[in-house]
Amino acid sequence: MQRPGKVHSAGLADGTRFDIRTLLSYLHDATKALESAGDSDAAFRFEMLYDYLKNHYNPSKPLRFENKHLGL
Protein backbone atom coordinates (compact mmCIF):
# COMPACT_ATOMS: atom_id res chain seq x y z
CA MET A 1 0.00 0.00 0.00
CA GLN A 2 1.31 3.46 -0.95
CA ARG A 3 1.48 6.28 1.59
CA PRO A 4 -0.43 9.45 0.74
CA GLY A 5 1.71 12.30 -0.63
CA LYS A 6 2.36 15.52 1.20
CA VAL A 7 0.07 18.44 0.44
CA HIS A 8 1.42 21.97 -0.02
CA SER A 9 -0.65 25.12 -0.33
CA ALA A 10 -0.19 27.17 -3.47
CA GLY A 11 0.82 30.34 -1.65
CA LEU A 12 4.01 32.37 -1.52
CA ALA A 13 6.83 31.43 0.84
CA ASP A 14 5.60 33.84 3.52
CA GLY A 15 2.06 32.46 3.36
CA THR A 16 0.69 35.40 1.36
CA ARG A 17 -1.76 34.49 -1.37
CA PHE A 18 -2.78 36.44 -4.43
CA ASP A 19 -4.62 35.61 -7.59
CA ILE A 20 -4.50 36.87 -11.14
CA ARG A 21 -7.25 39.45 -10.45
CA THR A 22 -5.12 41.02 -7.72
CA LEU A 23 -2.14 41.20 -10.07
CA LEU A 24 -4.30 42.70 -12.85
CA SER A 25 -5.58 45.35 -10.45
CA TYR A 26 -2.01 46.18 -9.41
CA LEU A 27 -0.85 46.45 -13.03
CA HIS A 28 -3.82 48.66 -13.92
CA ASP A 29 -3.17 51.00 -10.98
CA ALA A 30 0.56 51.11 -11.75
CA THR A 31 -0.16 51.99 -15.39
CA LYS A 32 -2.40 54.88 -14.38
CA ALA A 33 0.14 56.16 -11.83
CA LEU A 34 2.98 56.01 -14.35
CA GLU A 35 0.89 57.81 -16.98
CA SER A 36 0.00 60.59 -14.54
CA ALA A 37 3.68 60.89 -13.58
CA GLY A 38 4.58 61.33 -17.25
CA ASP A 39 6.46 58.04 -17.65
CA SER A 40 4.67 56.80 -20.74
CA ASP A 41 7.32 54.20 -21.66
CA ALA A 42 7.03 52.37 -18.34
CA ALA A 43 3.23 52.74 -18.44
CA PHE A 44 3.21 51.12 -21.88
CA ARG A 45 5.20 48.11 -20.58
CA PHE A 46 2.83 47.63 -17.64
CA GLU A 47 -0.12 47.96 -19.99
CA MET A 48 1.31 45.31 -22.33
CA LEU A 49 1.79 42.89 -19.43
CA TYR A 50 -1.74 43.66 -18.21
CA ASP A 51 -3.14 42.95 -21.67
CA TYR A 52 -1.25 39.67 -21.95
CA LEU A 53 -2.42 38.41 -18.55
CA LYS A 54 -6.02 39.53 -19.09
CA ASN A 55 -6.51 38.38 -22.68
CA HIS A 56 -3.92 35.74 -23.56
CA TYR A 57 -2.69 34.02 -20.39
CA ASN A 58 -3.83 30.42 -20.00
CA PRO A 59 -3.75 29.38 -16.31
CA SER A 60 -3.49 25.72 -17.25
CA LYS A 61 -0.08 26.35 -18.86
CA PRO A 62 3.13 27.54 -17.14
CA LEU A 63 3.80 31.27 -17.28
CA ARG A 64 6.83 31.73 -19.51
CA PHE A 65 8.45 35.02 -20.44
CA GLU A 66 8.32 36.15 -24.06
CA ASN A 67 9.48 39.52 -25.38
CA LYS A 68 6.11 40.15 -27.04
CA HIS A 69 4.45 40.31 -23.60
CA LEU A 70 6.26 43.60 -23.06
CA GLY A 71 5.94 44.89 -26.59
CA LEU A 72 9.57 44.21 -27.46
C-alpha atoms as a PDB file:
ATOM      1  CA  MET A   1       0.000   0.000   0.000  1.00  0.00           C
ATOM      2  CA  GLN A   2       1.313   3.461  -0.945  1.00  0.00           C
ATOM      3  CA  ARG A   3       1.480   6.280   1.586  1.00  0.00           C
ATOM      4  CA  PRO A   4      -0.425   9.449   0.745  1.00  0.00           C
ATOM      5  CA  GLY A   5       1.706  12.299  -0.629  1.00  0.00           C
ATOM      6  CA  LYS A   6       2.362  15.524   1.202  1.00  0.00           C
ATOM      7  CA  VAL A   7       0.065  18.438   0.440  1.00  0.00           C
ATOM      8  CA  HIS A   8       1.417  21.974  -0.024  1.00  0.00           C
ATOM      9  CA  SER A   9      -0.649  25.116  -0.329  1.00  0.00           C
ATOM     10  CA  ALA A  10      -0.188  27.170  -3.470  1.00  0.00           C
ATOM     11  CA  GLY A  11       0.825  30.344  -1.649  1.00  0.00           C
ATOM     12  CA  LEU A  12       4.011  32.370  -1.519  1.00  0.00           C
ATOM     13  CA  ALA A  13       6.829  31.428   0.837  1.00  0.00           C
ATOM     14  CA  ASP A  14       5.596  33.838   3.525  1.00  0.00           C
ATOM     15  CA  GLY A  15       2.056  32.459   3.359  1.00  0.00           C
ATOM     16  CA  THR A  16       0.693  35.398   1.356  1.00  0.00           C
ATOM     17  CA  ARG A  17      -1.758  34.491  -1.367  1.00  0.00           C
ATOM     18  CA  PHE A  18      -2.785  36.439  -4.426  1.00  0.00           C
ATOM     19  CA  ASP A  19      -4.615  35.611  -7.588  1.00  0.00           C
ATOM     20  CA  ILE A  20      -4.502  36.873 -11.139  1.00  0.00           C
ATOM     21  CA  ARG A  21      -7.249  39.449 -10.449  1.00  0.00           C
ATOM     22  CA  THR A  22      -5.119  41.017  -7.723  1.00  0.00           C
ATOM     23  CA  LEU A  23      -2.140  41.199 -10.073  1.00  0.00           C
ATOM     24  CA  LEU A  24      -4.297  42.699 -12.849  1.00  0.00           C
ATOM     25  CA  SER A  25      -5.579  45.352 -10.452  1.00  0.00           C
ATOM     26  CA  TYR A  26      -2.006  46.176  -9.408  1.00  0.00           C
ATOM     27  CA  LEU A  27      -0.846  46.449 -13.035  1.00  0.00           C
ATOM     28  CA  HIS A  28      -3.815  48.659 -13.920  1.00  0.00           C
ATOM     29  CA  ASP A  29      -3.175  50.998 -10.982  1.00  0.00           C
ATOM     30  CA  ALA A  30       0.561  51.111 -11.749  1.00  0.00           C
ATOM     31  CA  THR A  31      -0.156  51.986 -15.386  1.00  0.00           C
ATOM     32  CA  LYS A  32      -2.400  54.881 -14.376  1.00  0.00           C
ATOM     33  CA  ALA A  33       0.143  56.159 -11.833  1.00  0.00           C
ATOM     34  CA  LEU A  34       2.983  56.014 -14.351  1.00  0.00           C
ATOM     35  CA  GLU A  35       0.890  57.806 -16.978  1.00  0.00           C
ATOM     36  CA  SER A  36      -0.004  60.587 -14.544  1.00  0.00           C
ATOM     37  CA  ALA A  37       3.682  60.889 -13.580  1.00  0.00           C
ATOM     38  CA  GLY A  38       4.582  61.327 -17.251  1.00  0.00           C
ATOM     39  CA  ASP A  39       6.463  58.041 -17.645  1.00  0.00           C
ATOM     40  CA  SER A  40       4.670  56.802 -20.743  1.00  0.00           C
ATOM     41  CA  ASP A  41       7.323  54.205 -21.656  1.00  0.00           C
ATOM     42  CA  ALA A  42       7.027  52.373 -18.338  1.00  0.00           C
ATOM     43  CA  ALA A  43       3.235  52.738 -18.435  1.00  0.00           C
ATOM     44  CA  PHE A  44       3.213  51.124 -21.875  1.00  0.00           C
ATOM     45  CA  ARG A  45       5.205  48.113 -20.577  1.00  0.00           C
ATOM     46  CA  PHE A  46       2.835  47.633 -17.636  1.00  0.00           C
ATOM     47  CA  GLU A  47      -0.124  47.959 -19.992  1.00  0.00           C
ATOM     48  CA  MET A  48       1.315  45.305 -22.326  1.00  0.00           C
ATOM     49  CA  LEU A  49       1.793  42.885 -19.425  1.00  0.00           C
ATOM     50  CA  TYR A  50      -1.738  43.659 -18.205  1.00  0.00           C
ATOM     51  CA  ASP A  51      -3.137  42.948 -21.672  1.00  0.00           C
ATOM     52  CA  TYR A  52      -1.255  39.668 -21.947  1.00  0.00           C
ATOM     53  CA  LEU A  53      -2.421  38.415 -18.548  1.00  0.00           C
ATOM     54  CA  LYS A  54      -6.016  39.530 -19.091  1.00  0.00           C
ATOM     55  CA  ASN A  55      -6.508  38.376 -22.677  1.00  0.00           C
ATOM     56  CA  HIS A  56      -3.925  35.744 -23.559  1.00  0.00           C
ATOM     57  CA  TYR A  57      -2.688  34.024 -20.385  1.00  0.00           C
ATOM     58  CA  ASN A  58      -3.829  30.419 -19.998  1.00  0.00           C
ATOM     59  CA  PRO A  59      -3.747  29.383 -16.314  1.00  0.00           C
ATOM     60  CA  SER A  60      -3.487  25.720 -17.252  1.00  0.00           C
ATOM     61  CA  LYS A  61      -0.078  26.346 -18.858  1.00  0.00           C
ATOM     62  CA  PRO A  62       3.131  27.538 -17.143  1.00  0.00           C
ATOM     63  CA  LEU A  63       3.798  31.271 -17.279  1.00  0.00           C
ATOM     64  CA  ARG A  64       6.828  31.733 -19.511  1.00  0.00           C
ATOM     65  CA  PHE A  65       8.449  35.021 -20.442  1.00  0.00           C
ATOM     66  CA  GLU A  66       8.324  36.148 -24.058  1.00  0.00           C
ATOM     67  CA  ASN A  67       9.479  39.521 -25.379  1.00  0.00           C
ATOM     68  CA  LYS A  68       6.108  40.153 -27.036  1.00  0.00           C
ATOM     69  CA  HIS A  69       4.452  40.313 -23.600  1.00  0.00           C
ATOM     70  CA  LEU A  70       6.263  43.605 -23.061  1.00  0.00           C
ATOM     71  CA  GLY A  71       5.938  44.893 -26.595  1.00  0.00           C
ATOM     72  CA  LEU A  72       9.572  44.207 -27.460  1.00  0.00           C
END
